Amino acid sequence: MRGGSGEFLRSWRPGWPRPRNRPGRWSCGWAARRWCSTATRPRVLIHVVPATAGLHLGQSGAFVLASLPDGDPVGYLDDQLAGRVVLDSEHVAALERTWEAVRAEALPRAHSRDLIRKLVDER
């Protein structure tokens, strides 16, 4: 599942990395540093959903949306028991709607990137 020249790989990972109770400390600092370097890629969009967003649809679990080489959309769900590939068009469309709901709650791309950089610098 690799994106072509004009495609995006969209991934939602709720609560990771998560700040510890101490300000300026990250439980997964290596992940935040990796996100900083990855966010500079032209087809990578990282959006932070602030805690003030409260409960939202994206908190039901991690998922990935991608396009197969033939252009067909595909999803991947990750839960507590196992991961599964989603090929059914209605189910992929439901994941697309979830993605849009998450994006509606998220900070803009540049603001998200700057926030992650700031937290990495404070570490």
PDB file of N, CA and C in Angstrom:
ATOM      1  N   MET A   1       0.836  -1.172   0.000  1.00  0.00           N
ATOM      2  CA  MET A   1       0.000   0.000   0.000  1.00  0.00           C
ATOM      3  C   MET A   1       0.882   1.236   0.000  1.00  0.00           C
ATOM      4  N   ARG A   2       1.416   1.550  -1.123  1.00  0.00           N
ATOM      5  CA  ARG A   2       2.271   2.729  -1.255  1.00  0.00           C
ATOM      6  C   ARG A   2       1.560   3.760  -2.092  1.00  0.00           C
ATOM      7  N   GLY A   3       1.656   5.000  -1.650  1.00  0.00           N
ATOM      8  CA  GLY A   3       1.012   6.077  -2.402  1.00  0.00           C
ATOM      9  C   GLY A   3       1.802   6.409  -3.655  1.00  0.00           C
ATOM     10  N   GLY A   4       1.095   6.765  -4.710  1.00  0.00           N
ATOM     11  CA  GLY A   4       1.746   7.193  -5.937  1.00  0.00           C
ATOM     12  C   GLY A   4       2.188   8.638  -5.835  1.00  0.00           C
ATOM     13  N   SER A   5       2.513   9.225  -6.949  1.00  0.00           N
ATOM     14  CA  SER A   5       3.085  10.572  -6.941  1.00  0.00           C
ATOM     15  C   SER A   5       2.127  11.630  -6.418  1.00  0.00           C
ATOM     16  N   GLY A   6       0.831  11.448  -6.569  1.00  0.00           N
ATOM     17  CA  GLY A   6      -0.106  12.459  -6.106  1.00  0.00           C
ATOM     18  C   GLY A   6      -0.974  12.002  -4.949  1.00  0.00           C
ATOM     19  N   GLU A   7      -0.626  10.887  -4.312  1.00  0.00           N
ATOM     20  CA  GLU A   7      -1.481  10.315  -3.284  1.00  0.00           C
ATOM     21  C   GLU A   7      -0.927  10.562  -1.893  1.00  0.00           C
ATOM     22  N   PHE A   8      -1.826  10.528  -0.947  1.00  0.00           N
ATOM     23  CA  PHE A   8      -1.466  10.677   0.453  1.00  0.00           C
ATOM     24  C   PHE A   8      -1.785   9.386   1.184  1.00  0.00           C
ATOM     25  N   LEU A   9      -0.962   9.061   2.142  1.00  0.00           N
ATOM     26  CA  LEU A   9      -1.254   7.982   3.067  1.00  0.00           C
ATOM     27  C   LEU A   9      -1.775   8.658   4.320  1.00  0.00           C
ATOM     28  N   ARG A  10      -2.993   8.353   4.695  1.00  0.00           N
ATOM     29  CA  ARG A  10      -3.608   9.010   5.844  1.00  0.00           C
ATOM     30  C   ARG A  10      -3.685   8.027   6.996  1.00  0.00           C
ATOM     31  N   SER A  11      -3.221   8.431   8.138  1.00  0.00           N
ATOM     32  CA  SER A  11      -3.177   7.546   9.293  1.00  0.00           C
ATOM     33  C   SER A  11      -3.667   8.283  10.525  1.00  0.00           C
ATOM     34  N   TRP A  12      -4.420   7.609  11.346  1.00  0.00           N
ATOM     35  CA  TRP A  12      -4.895   8.180  12.603  1.00  0.00           C
ATOM     36  C   TRP A  12      -4.445   7.279  13.736  1.00  0.00           C
ATOM     37  N   ARG A  13      -3.724   7.836  14.686  1.00  0.00           N
ATOM     38  CA  ARG A  13      -3.235   7.107  15.845  1.00  0.00           C
ATOM     39  C   ARG A  13      -3.620   7.880  17.100  1.00  0.00           C
ATOM     40  N   PRO A  14      -4.723   7.524  17.730  1.00  0.00           N
ATOM     41  CA  PRO A  14      -5.164   8.293  18.893  1.00  0.00           C
ATOM     42  C   PRO A  14      -4.240   8.146  20.090  1.00  0.00           C
ATOM     43  N   GLY A  15      -3.951   9.278  20.733  1.00  0.00           N
ATOM     44  CA  GLY A  15      -3.226   9.279  21.992  1.00  0.00           C
ATOM     45  C   GLY A  15      -1.776   8.867  21.934  1.00  0.00           C
ATOM     46  N   TRP A  16      -1.113   9.001  20.769  1.00  0.00           N
ATOM     47  CA  TRP A  16       0.274   8.567  20.694  1.00  0.00           C
ATOM     48  C   TRP A  16       1.059   9.499  19.794  1.00  0.00           C
ATOM     49  N   PRO A  17       2.169  10.057  20.186  1.00  0.00           N
ATOM     50  CA  PRO A  17       2.704  10.004  21.542  1.00  0.00           C
ATOM     51  C   PRO A  17       1.914  10.909  22.467  1.00  0.00           C
ATOM     52  N   ARG A  18       1.920  10.609  23.708  1.00  0.00           N
ATOM     53  CA  ARG A  18       1.124  11.342  24.680  1.00  0.00           C
ATOM     54  C   ARG A  18       2.036  12.036  25.687  1.00  0.00           C
ATOM     55  N   PRO A  19       1.780  13.312  25.961  1.00  0.00           N
ATOM     56  CA  PRO A  19       2.593  13.990  26.964  1.00  0.00           C
ATOM     57  C   PRO A  19       2.399  13.356  28.334  1.00  0.00           C
ATOM     58  N   ARG A  20       3.464  13.271  29.091  1.00  0.00           N
ATOM     59  CA  ARG A  20       3.342  12.801  30.470  1.00  0.00           C
ATOM     60  C   ARG A  20       2.696  13.888  31.311  1.00  0.00           C
ATOM     61  N   ASN A  21       2.450  13.572  32.546  1.00  0.00           N
ATOM     62  CA  ASN A  21       1.834  14.549  33.444  1.00  0.00           C
ATOM     63  C   ASN A  21       2.744  15.737  33.706  1.00  0.00           C
ATOM     64  N   ARG A  22       4.029  15.575  33.461  1.00  0.00           N
ATOM     65  CA  ARG A  22       4.964  16.677  33.677  1.00  0.00           C
ATOM     66  C   ARG A  22       5.064  17.507  32.407  1.00  0.00           C
ATOM     67  N   PRO A  23       4.868  18.813  32.500  1.00  0.00           N
ATOM     68  CA  PRO A  23       4.949  19.658  31.305  1.00  0.00           C
ATOM     69  C   PRO A  23       6.313  19.548  30.632  1.00  0.00           C
ATOM     70  N   GLY A  24       6.299  19.528  29.305  1.00  0.00           N
ATOM     71  CA  GLY A  24       7.539  19.519  28.545  1.00  0.00           C
ATOM     72  C   GLY A  24       8.183  18.155  28.408  1.00  0.00           C
ATOM     73  N   ARG A  25       7.567  17.121  28.952  1.00  0.00           N
ATOM     74  CA  ARG A  25       8.129  15.771  28.856  1.00  0.00           C
ATOM     75  C   ARG A  25       7.247  14.895  27.978  1.00  0.00           C
ATOM     76  N   TRP A  26       7.874  14.071  27.172  1.00  0.00           N
ATOM     77  CA  TRP A  26       7.136  13.165  26.296  1.00  0.00           C
ATOM     78  C   TRP A  26       7.447  11.741  26.677  1.00  0.00           C
ATOM     79  N   SER A  27       6.407  10.913  26.716  1.00  0.00           N
ATOM     80  CA  SER A  27       6.626   9.498  26.973  1.00  0.00           C
ATOM     81  C   SER A  27       7.238   8.825  25.751  1.00  0.00           C
ATOM     82  N   CYS A  28       7.037   9.387  24.576  1.00  0.00           N
ATOM     83  CA  CYS A  28       7.588   8.832  23.329  1.00  0.00           C
ATOM     84  C   CYS A  28       8.314   9.934  22.572  1.00  0.00           C
ATOM     85  N   GLY A  29       9.344  10.496  23.178  1.00  0.00           N
ATOM     86  CA  GLY A  29      10.077  11.591  22.547  1.00  0.00           C
ATOM     87  C   GLY A  29      10.642  11.223  21.192  1.00  0.00           C
ATOM     88  N   TRP A  30      11.073   9.963  21.044  1.00  0.00           N
ATOM     89  CA  TRP A  30      11.627   9.528  19.764  1.00  0.00           C
ATOM     90  C   TRP A  30      10.574   9.621  18.671  1.00  0.00           C
ATOM     91  N   ALA A  31       9.323   9.335  19.006  1.00  0.00           N
ATOM     92  CA  ALA A  31       8.256   9.408  18.005  1.00  0.00           C
ATOM     93  C   ALA A  31       8.010  10.854  17.590  1.00  0.00           C
ATOM     94  N   ALA A  32       8.023  11.753  18.553  1.00  0.00           N
ATOM     95  CA  ALA A  32       7.810  13.169  18.236  1.00  0.00           C
ATOM     96  C   ALA A  32       8.932  13.692  17.350  1.00  0.00           C
ATOM     97  N   ARG A  33      10.172  13.279  17.627  1.00  0.00           N
ATOM     98  CA  ARG A  33      11.297  13.698  16.774  1.00  0.00           C
ATOM     99  C   ARG A  33      11.126  13.139  15.364  1.00  0.00           C
ATOM    100  N   ARG A  34      10.690  11.915  15.271  1.00  0.00           N
ATOM    101  CA  ARG A  34      10.461  11.289  13.960  1.00  0.00           C
ATOM    102  C   ARG A  34       9.350  12.030  13.212  1.00  0.00           C
ATOM    103  N   TRP A  35       8.296  12.406  13.929  1.00  0.00           N
ATOM    104  CA  TRP A  35       7.206  13.142  13.305  1.00  0.00           C
ATOM    105  C   TRP A  35       7.695  14.469  12.768  1.00  0.00           C
ATOM    106  N   CYS A  36       8.598  15.122  13.496  1.00  0.00           N
ATOM    107  CA  CYS A  36       9.134  16.415  13.037  1.00  0.00           C
ATOM    108  C   CYS A  36       9.840  16.257  11.702  1.00  0.00           C
ATOM    109  N   SER A  37      10.660  15.220  11.572  1.00  0.00           N
ATOM    110  CA  SER A  37      11.384  15.037  10.315  1.00  0.00           C
ATOM    111  C   SER A  37      10.447  14.563   9.203  1.00  0.00           C
ATOM    112  N   THR A  38       9.493  13.721   9.527  1.00  0.00           N
ATOM    113  CA  THR A  38       8.552  13.215   8.534  1.00  0.00           C
ATOM    114  C   THR A  38       7.618  14.313   8.031  1.00  0.00           C
ATOM    115  N   ALA A  39       7.273  15.258   8.894  1.00  0.00           N
ATOM    116  CA  ALA A  39       6.318  16.314   8.538  1.00  0.00           C
ATOM    117  C   ALA A  39       6.831  17.234   7.442  1.00  0.00           C
ATOM    118  N   THR A  40       8.119  17.197   7.151  1.00  0.00           N
ATOM    119  CA  THR A  40       8.668  18.046   6.093  1.00  0.00           C
ATOM    120  C   THR A  40       8.462  17.437   4.704  1.00  0.00           C
ATOM    121  N   ARG A  41       8.052  16.178   4.636  1.00  0.00           N
ATOM    122  CA  ARG A  41       7.806  15.543   3.336  1.00  0.00           C
ATOM    123  C   ARG A  41       6.562  16.153   2.696  1.00  0.00           C
ATOM    124  N   PRO A  42       6.590  16.339   1.376  1.00  0.00           N
ATOM    125  CA  PRO A  42       5.492  17.055   0.712  1.00  0.00           C
ATOM    126  C   PRO A  42       4.129  16.377   0.818  1.00  0.00           C
ATOM    127  N   ARG A  43       4.076  15.044   0.873  1.00  0.00           N
ATOM    128  CA  ARG A  43       2.782  14.362   0.903  1.00  0.00           C
ATOM    129  C   ARG A  43       2.416  13.842   2.289  1.00  0.00           C
ATOM    130  N   VAL A  44       3.095  14.325   3.321  1.00  0.00           N
ATOM    131  CA  VAL A  44       2.795  13.905   4.686  1.00  0.00           C
ATOM    132  C   VAL A  44       2.083  15.043   5.407  1.00  0.00           C
ATOM    133  N   LEU A  45       0.910  14.749   5.913  1.00  0.00           N
ATOM    134  CA  LEU A  45       0.129  15.731   6.657  1.00  0.00           C
ATOM    135  C   LEU A  45      -0.038  15.228   8.082  1.00  0.00           C
ATOM    136  N   ILE A  46       0.495  15.960   9.034  1.00  0.00           N
ATOM    137  CA  ILE A  46       0.347  15.599  10.439  1.00  0.00           C
ATOM    138  C   ILE A  46      -0.505  16.675  11.098  1.00  0.00           C
ATOM    139  N   HIS A  47      -1.582  16.240  11.708  1.00  0.00           N
ATOM    140  CA  HIS A  47      -2.496  17.152  12.391  1.00  0.00           C
ATOM    141  C   HIS A  47      -2.658  16.694  13.836  1.00  0.00           C
ATOM    142  N   VAL A  48      -2.457  17.601  14.777  1.00  0.00           N
ATOM    143  CA  VAL A  48      -2.643  17.310  16.194  1.00  0.00           C
ATOM    144  C   VAL A  48      -4.084  17.642  16.570  1.00  0.00           C
ATOM    145  N   VAL A  49      -4.730  16.703  17.237  1.00  0.00           N
ATOM    146  CA  VAL A  49      -6.063  16.965  17.777  1.00  0.00           C
ATOM    147  C   VAL A  49      -5.872  17.353  19.241  1.00  0.00           C
ATOM    148  N   PRO A  50      -6.204  18.596  19.596  1.00  0.00           N
ATOM    149  CA  PRO A  50      -5.981  19.037  20.971  1.00  0.00           C
ATOM    150  C   PRO A  50      -6.911  18.331  21.952  1.00  0.00           C
ATOM    151  N   ALA A  51      -6.450  18.198  23.189  1.00  0.00           N
ATOM    152  CA  ALA A  51      -7.259  17.567  24.232  1.00  0.00           C
ATOM    153  C   ALA A  51      -8.573  18.312  24.438  1.00  0.00           C
ATOM    154  N   THR A  52      -8.579  19.604  24.142  1.00  0.00           N
ATOM    155  CA  THR A  52      -9.799  20.401  24.314  1.00  0.00           C
ATOM    156  C   THR A  52     -10.903  19.998  23.339  1.00  0.00           C
ATOM    157  N   ALA A  53     -10.575  19.176  22.336  1.00  0.00           N
ATOM    158  CA  ALA A  53     -11.594  18.705  21.394  1.00  0.00           C
ATOM    159  C   ALA A  53     -12.586  17.765  22.079  1.00  0.00           C
ATOM    160  N   GLY A  54     -12.190  17.204  23.212  1.00  0.00           N
ATOM    161  CA  GLY A  54     -13.083  16.291  23.926  1.00  0.00           C
ATOM    162  C   GLY A  54     -13.272  14.993  23.161  1.00  0.00           C
ATOM    163  N   LEU A  55     -14.383  14.339  23.411  1.00  0.00           N
ATOM    164  CA  LEU A  55     -14.672  13.080  22.731  1.00  0.00           C
ATOM    165  C   LEU A  55     -14.980  13.335  21.263  1.00  0.00           C
ATOM    166  N   HIS A  56     -14.416  12.496  20.397  1.00  0.00           N
ATOM    167  CA  HIS A  56     -14.693  12.600  18.968  1.00  0.00           C
ATOM    168  C   HIS A  56     -14.594  11.227  18.338  1.00  0.00           C
ATOM    169  N   LEU A  57     -15.090  11.103  17.144  1.00  0.00           N
ATOM    170  CA  LEU A  57     -15.204   9.825  16.449  1.00  0.00           C
ATOM    171  C   LEU A  57     -13.872   9.097  16.288  1.00  0.00           C
ATOM    172  N   GLY A  58     -12.791   9.837  16.140  1.00  0.00           N
ATOM    173  CA  GLY A  58     -11.490   9.219  15.910  1.00  0.00           C
ATOM    174  C   GLY A  58     -10.933   8.456  17.090  1.00  0.00           C
ATOM    175  N   GLN A  59     -11.506   8.617  18.262  1.00  0.00           N
ATOM    176  CA  GLN A  59     -10.983   7.941  19.440  1.00  0.00           C
ATOM    177  C   GLN A  59     -11.358   6.466  19.494  1.00  0.00           C
ATOM    178  N   SER A  60     -12.070   5.991  18.505  1.00  0.00           N
ATOM    179  CA  SER A  60     -12.454   4.580  18.502  1.00  0.00           C
ATOM    180  C   SER A  60     -11.297   3.661  18.117  1.00  0.00           C
ATOM    181  N   GLY A  61     -10.194   4.202  17.620  1.00  0.00           N
ATOM    182  CA  GLY A  61      -9.030   3.375  17.326  1.00  0.00           C
ATOM    183  C   GLY A  61      -8.226   3.860  16.137  1.00  0.00           C
ATOM    184  N   ALA A  62      -7.045   3.272  15.997  1.00  0.00           N
ATOM    185  CA  ALA A  62      -6.123   3.650  14.926  1.00  0.00           C
ATOM    186  C   ALA A  62      -6.577   3.055  13.594  1.00  0.00           C
ATOM    187  N   PHE A  63      -6.321   3.802  12.514  1.00  0.00           N
ATOM    188  CA  PHE A  63      -6.615   3.297  11.180  1.00  0.00           C
ATOM    189  C   PHE A  63      -5.743   4.005  10.157  1.00  0.00           C
ATOM    190  N   VAL A  64      -5.637   3.388   8.987  1.00  0.00           N
ATOM    191  CA  VAL A  64      -4.869   3.933   7.869  1.00  0.00           C
ATOM    192  C   VAL A  64      -5.750   3.867   6.628  1.00  0.00           C
ATOM    193  N   LEU A  65      -5.689   4.902   5.811  1.00  0.00           N
ATOM    194  CA  LEU A  65      -6.355   4.916   4.507  1.00  0.00           C
ATOM    195  C   LEU A  65      -5.288   5.081   3.437  1.00  0.00           C
ATOM    196  N   ALA A  66      -5.393   4.307   2.372  1.00  0.00           N
ATOM    197  CA  ALA A  66      -4.402   4.383   1.294  1.00  0.00           C
ATOM    198  C   ALA A  66      -5.081   4.015  -0.021  1.00  0.00           C
ATOM    199  N   SER A  67      -4.325   4.117  -1.102  1.00  0.00           N
ATOM    200  CA  SER A  67      -4.800   3.706  -2.424  1.00  0.00           C
ATOM    201  C   SER A  67      -3.903   2.591  -2.933  1.00  0.00           C
ATOM    202  N   LEU A  68      -4.523   1.551  -3.487  1.00  0.00           N
ATOM    203  CA  LEU A  68      -3.765   0.476  -4.115  1.00  0.00           C
ATOM    204  C   LEU A  68      -3.227   0.977  -5.452  1.00  0.00           C
ATOM    205  N   PRO A  69      -2.263   0.265  -6.048  1.00  0.00           N
ATOM    206  CA  PRO A  69      -1.699   0.713  -7.332  1.00  0.00           C
ATOM    207  C   PRO A  69      -2.750   0.948  -8.422  1.00  0.00           C
ATOM    208  N   ASP A  70      -3.867   0.209  -8.369  1.00  0.00           N
ATOM    209  CA  ASP A  70      -4.916   0.414  -9.374  1.00  0.00           C
ATOM    210  C   ASP A  70      -5.846   1.576  -9.026  1.00  0.00           C
ATOM    211  N   GLY A  71      -5.585   2.249  -7.913  1.00  0.00           N
ATOM    212  CA  GLY A  71      -6.373   3.408  -7.515  1.00  0.00           C
ATOM    213  C   GLY A  71      -7.492   3.111  -6.539  1.00  0.00           C
ATOM    214  N   ASP A  72      -7.776   1.831  -6.304  1.00  0.00           N
ATOM    215  CA  ASP A  72      -8.839   1.485  -5.362  1.00  0.00           C
ATOM    216  C   ASP A  72      -8.438   1.873  -3.940  1.00  0.00           C
ATOM    217  N   PRO A  73      -9.370   2.483  -3.200  1.00  0.00           N
ATOM    218  CA  PRO A  73      -9.066   2.829  -1.809  1.00  0.00           C
ATOM    219  C   PRO A  73      -9.113   1.585  -0.925  1.00  0.00           C
ATOM    220  N   VAL A  74      -8.304   1.601   0.100  1.00  0.00           N
ATOM    221  CA  VAL A  74      -8.242   0.492   1.048  1.00  0.00           C
ATOM    222  C   VAL A  74      -8.003   1.073   2.435  1.00  0.00           C
ATOM    223  N   GLY A  75      -8.456   0.376   3.432  1.00  0.00           N
ATOM    224  CA  GLY A  75      -8.238   0.808   4.808  1.00  0.00           C
ATOM    225  C   GLY A  75      -7.563  -0.282   5.612  1.00  0.00           C
ATOM    226  N   TYR A  76      -7.042   0.105   6.744  1.00  0.00           N
ATOM    227  CA  TYR A  76      -6.454  -0.842   7.689  1.00  0.00           C
ATOM    228  C   TYR A  76      -6.849  -0.388   9.082  1.00  0.00           C
ATOM    229  N   LEU A  77      -7.450  -1.279   9.839  1.00  0.00           N
ATOM    230  CA  LEU A  77      -7.866  -0.984  11.209  1.00  0.00           C
ATOM    231  C   LEU A  77      -6.963  -1.718  12.177  1.00  0.00           C
ATOM    232  N   ASP A  78      -6.616  -1.058  13.241  1.00  0.00           N
ATOM    233  CA  ASP A  78      -5.777  -1.642  14.281  1.00  0.00           C
ATOM    234  C   ASP A  78      -6.552  -1.558  15.582  1.00  0.00           C
ATOM    235  N   ASP A  79      -6.807  -2.700  16.209  1.00  0.00           N
ATOM    236  CA  ASP A  79      -7.491  -2.660  17.496  1.00  0.00           C
ATOM    237  C   ASP A  79      -6.727  -3.478  18.530  1.00  0.00           C
ATOM    238  N   GLN A  80      -7.346  -3.732  19.667  1.00  0.00           N
ATOM    239  CA  GLN A  80      -6.655  -4.401  20.763  1.00  0.00           C
ATOM    240  C   GLN A  80      -6.333  -5.856  20.467  1.00  0.00           C
ATOM    241  N   LEU A  81      -7.063  -6.483  19.568  1.00  0.00           N
ATOM    242  CA  LEU A  81      -6.862  -7.893  19.292  1.00  0.00           C
ATOM    243  C   LEU A  81      -6.028  -8.163  18.051  1.00  0.00           C
ATOM    244  N   ALA A  82      -6.258  -7.403  17.003  1.00  0.00           N
ATOM    245  CA  ALA A  82      -5.550  -7.654  15.746  1.00  0.00           C
ATOM    246  C   ALA A  82      -5.770  -6.497  14.785  1.00  0.00           C
ATOM    247  N   GLY A  83      -5.030  -6.520  13.693  1.00  0.00           N
ATOM    248  CA  GLY A  83      -5.240  -5.557  12.622  1.00  0.00           C
ATOM    249  C   GLY A  83      -5.970  -6.246  11.485  1.00  0.00           C
ATOM    250  N   ARG A  84      -6.702  -5.472  10.703  1.00  0.00           N
ATOM    251  CA  ARG A  84      -7.388  -6.072   9.560  1.00  0.00           C
ATOM    252  C   ARG A  84      -7.456  -5.094   8.401  1.00  0.00           C
ATOM    253  N   VAL A  85      -7.352  -5.639   7.214  1.00  0.00           N
ATOM    254  CA  VAL A  85      -7.458  -4.862   5.982  1.00  0.00           C
ATOM    255  C   VAL A  85      -8.938  -4.678   5.662  1.00  0.00           C
ATOM    256  N   VAL A  86      -9.302  -3.473   5.251  1.00  0.00           N
ATOM    257  CA  VAL A  86     -10.692  -3.146   4.916  1.00  0.00           C
ATOM    258  C   VAL A  86     -10.763  -2.870   3.414  1.00  0.00           C
ATOM    259  N   LEU A  87     -11.476  -3.722   2.687  1.00  0.00           N
ATOM    260  CA  LEU A  87     -11.605  -3.580   1.238  1.00  0.00           C
ATOM    261  C   LEU A  87     -13.011  -3.169   0.811  1.00  0.00           C
ATOM    262  N   ASP A  88     -14.018  -3.474   1.618  1.00  0.00           N
ATOM    263  CA  ASP A  88     -15.405  -3.152   1.289  1.00  0.00           C
ATOM    264  C   ASP A  88     -15.561  -1.645   1.121  1.00  0.00           C
ATOM    265  N   SER A  89     -16.124  -1.226  -0.021  1.00  0.00           N
ATOM    266  CA  SER A  89     -16.193   0.208  -0.330  1.00  0.00           C
ATOM    267  C   SER A  89     -17.022   0.994   0.687  1.00  0.00           C
ATOM    268  N   GLU A  90     -18.080   0.408   1.221  1.00  0.00           N
ATOM    269  CA  GLU A  90     -18.884   1.104   2.232  1.00  0.00           C
ATOM    270  C   GLU A  90     -18.100   1.294   3.528  1.00  0.00           C
ATOM    271  N   HIS A  91     -17.331   0.291   3.902  1.00  0.00           N
ATOM    272  CA  HIS A  91     -16.530   0.392   5.122  1.00  0.00           C
ATOM    273  C   HIS A  91     -15.380   1.385   4.949  1.00  0.00           C
ATOM    274  N   VAL A  92     -14.769   1.381   3.764  1.00  0.00           N
ATOM    275  CA  VAL A  92     -13.708   2.363   3.488  1.00  0.00           C
ATOM    276  C   VAL A  92     -14.302   3.769   3.513  1.00  0.00           C
ATOM    277  N   ALA A  93     -15.508   3.937   2.971  1.00  0.00           N
ATOM    278  CA  ALA A  93     -16.176   5.247   2.996  1.00  0.00           C
ATOM    279  C   ALA A  93     -16.450   5.688   4.436  1.00  0.00           C
ATOM    280  N   ALA A  94     -16.792   4.744   5.310  1.00  0.00           N
ATOM    281  CA  ALA A  94     -17.006   5.079   6.726  1.00  0.00           C
ATOM    282  C   ALA A  94     -15.703   5.559   7.363  1.00  0.00           C
ATOM    283  N   LEU A  95     -14.584   4.923   7.008  1.00  0.00           N
ATOM    284  CA  LEU A  95     -13.282   5.377   7.513  1.00  0.00           C
ATOM    285  C   LEU A  95     -12.951   6.767   6.972  1.00  0.00           C
ATOM    286  N   GLU A  96     -13.303   7.022   5.712  1.00  0.00           N
ATOM    287  CA  GLU A  96     -13.094   8.360   5.132  1.00  0.00           C
ATOM    288  C   GLU A  96     -13.867   9.416   5.924  1.00  0.00           C
ATOM    289  N   ARG A  97     -15.103   9.100   6.295  1.00  0.00           N
ATOM    290  CA  ARG A  97     -15.906  10.047   7.087  1.00  0.00           C
ATOM    291  C   ARG A  97     -15.290  10.257   8.467  1.00  0.00           C
ATOM    292  N   THR A  98     -14.763   9.193   9.047  1.00  0.00           N
ATOM    293  CA  THR A  98     -14.096   9.320  10.345  1.00  0.00           C
ATOM    294  C   THR A  98     -12.874  10.211  10.212  1.00  0.00           C
ATOM    295  N   TRP A  99     -12.105  10.017   9.135  1.00  0.00           N
ATOM    296  CA  TRP A  99     -10.926  10.855   8.898  1.00  0.00           C
ATOM    297  C   TRP A  99     -11.316  12.329   8.821  1.00  0.00           C
ATOM    298  N   GLU A 100     -12.374  12.628   8.089  1.00  0.00           N
ATOM    299  CA  GLU A 100     -12.822  14.014   7.958  1.00  0.00           C
ATOM    300  C   GLU A 100     -13.302  14.571   9.296  1.00  0.00           C
ATOM    301  N   ALA A 101     -13.932  13.729  10.119  1.00  0.00           N
ATOM    302  CA  ALA A 101     -14.362  14.176  11.452  1.00  0.00           C
ATOM    303  C   ALA A 101     -13.154  14.501  12.330  1.00  0.00           C
ATOM    304  N   VAL A 102     -12.115  13.686  12.236  1.00  0.00           N
ATOM    305  CA  VAL A 102     -10.882  13.941  12.993  1.00  0.00           C
ATOM    306  C   VAL A 102     -10.241  15.236  12.507  1.00  0.00           C
ATOM    307  N   ARG A 103     -10.145  15.406  11.199  1.00  0.00           N
ATOM    308  CA  ARG A 103      -9.547  16.630  10.647  1.00  0.00           C
ATOM    309  C   ARG A 103     -10.308  17.879  11.058  1.00  0.00           C
ATOM    310  N   ALA A 104     -11.620  17.758  11.219  1.00  0.00           N
ATOM    311  CA  ALA A 104     -12.430  18.906  11.638  1.00  0.00           C
ATOM    312  C   ALA A 104     -12.067  19.355  13.051  1.00  0.00           C
ATOM    313  N   GLU A 105     -11.592  18.433  13.885  1.00  0.00           N
ATOM    314  CA  GLU A 105     -11.213  18.756  15.264  1.00  0.00           C
ATOM    315  C   GLU A 105      -9.740  19.143  15.381  1.00  0.00           C
ATOM    316  N   ALA A 106      -8.946  18.812  14.367  1.00  0.00           N
ATOM    317  CA  ALA A 106      -7.490  18.971  14.439  1.00  0.00           C
ATOM    318  C   ALA A 106      -7.032  20.403  14.191  1.00  0.00           C
ATOM    319  N   LEU A 107      -5.836  20.677  14.691  1.00  0.00           N
ATOM    320  CA  LEU A 107      -5.176  21.951  14.413  1.00  0.00           C
ATOM    321  C   LEU A 107      -4.695  21.950  12.960  1.00  0.00           C
ATOM    322  N   PRO A 108      -4.511  23.115  12.342  1.00  0.00           N
ATOM    323  CA  PRO A 108      -3.961  23.162  10.985  1.00  0.00           C
ATOM    324  C   PRO A 108      -2.570  22.512  10.929  1.00  0.00           C
ATOM    325  N   ARG A 109      -2.176  22.100   9.738  1.00  0.00           N
ATOM    326  CA  ARG A 109      -0.912  21.383   9.533  1.00  0.00           C
ATOM    327  C   ARG A 109       0.288  22.134  10.105  1.00  0.00           C
ATOM    328  N   ALA A 110       0.448  23.398   9.750  1.00  0.00           N
ATOM    329  CA  ALA A 110       1.614  24.166  10.209  1.00  0.00           C
ATOM    330  C   ALA A 110       1.599  24.338  11.727  1.00  0.00           C
ATOM    331  N   HIS A 111       0.439  24.593  12.287  1.00  0.00           N
ATOM    332  CA  HIS A 111       0.318  24.752  13.739  1.00  0.00           C
ATOM    333  C   HIS A 111       0.666  23.440  14.441  1.00  0.00           C
ATOM    334  N   SER A 112       0.192  22.319  13.905  1.00  0.00           N
ATOM    335  CA  SER A 112       0.497  21.004  14.473  1.00  0.00           C
ATOM    336  C   SER A 112       1.998  20.738  14.441  1.00  0.00           C
ATOM    337  N   ARG A 113       2.618  21.008  13.291  1.00  0.00           N
ATOM    338  CA  ARG A 113       4.058  20.785  13.141  1.00  0.00           C
ATOM    339  C   ARG A 113       4.838  21.652  14.126  1.00  0.00           C
ATOM    340  N   ASP A 114       4.457  22.923  14.251  1.00  0.00           N
ATOM    341  CA  ASP A 114       5.150  23.823  15.173  1.00  0.00           C
ATOM    342  C   ASP A 114       4.981  23.379  16.622  1.00  0.00           C
ATOM    343  N   LEU A 115       3.806  22.882  16.970  1.00  0.00           N
ATOM    344  CA  LEU A 115       3.567  22.401  18.329  1.00  0.00           C
ATOM    345  C   LEU A 115       4.444  21.194  18.638  1.00  0.00           C
ATOM    346  N   ILE A 116       4.545  20.259  17.708  1.00  0.00           N
ATOM    347  CA  ILE A 116       5.393  19.080  17.916  1.00  0.00           C
ATOM    348  C   ILE A 116       6.850  19.507  18.044  1.00  0.00           C
ATOM    349  N   ARG A 117       7.310  20.411  17.178  1.00  0.00           N
ATOM    350  CA  ARG A 117       8.694  20.910  17.269  1.00  0.00           C
ATOM    351  C   ARG A 117       8.966  21.562  18.619  1.00  0.00           C
ATOM    352  N   LYS A 118       8.018  22.358  19.086  1.00  0.00           N
ATOM    353  CA  LYS A 118       8.176  23.038  20.370  1.00  0.00           C
ATOM    354  C   LYS A 118       8.321  22.021  21.504  1.00  0.00           C
ATOM    355  N   LEU A 119       7.501  20.993  21.486  1.00  0.00           N
ATOM    356  CA  LEU A 119       7.573  19.975  22.529  1.00  0.00           C
ATOM    357  C   LEU A 119       8.875  19.186  22.460  1.00  0.00           C
ATOM    358  N   VAL A 120       9.353  18.912  21.247  1.00  0.00           N
ATOM    359  CA  VAL A 120      10.641  18.222  21.095  1.00  0.00           C
ATOM    360  C   VAL A 120      11.766  19.103  21.619  1.00  0.00           C
ATOM    361  N   ASP A 121      11.736  20.396  21.295  1.00  0.00           N
ATOM    362  CA  ASP A 121      12.777  21.322  21.751  1.00  0.00           C
ATOM    363  C   ASP A 121      12.796  21.458  23.264  1.00  0.00           C
ATOM    364  N   GLU A 122      11.631  21.352  23.910  1.00  0.00           N
ATOM    365  CA  GLU A 122      11.557  21.458  25.366  1.00  0.00           C
ATOM    366  C   GLU A 122      12.104  20.226  26.054  1.00  0.00           C
ATOM    367  N   ARG A 123      12.173  19.136  25.335  1.00  0.00           N
ATOM    368  CA  ARG A 123      12.640  17.874  25.908  1.00  0.00           C
ATOM    369  C   ARG A 123      14.098  17.986  26.139  1.00  0.00           C
TER     370      ARG A 123
END
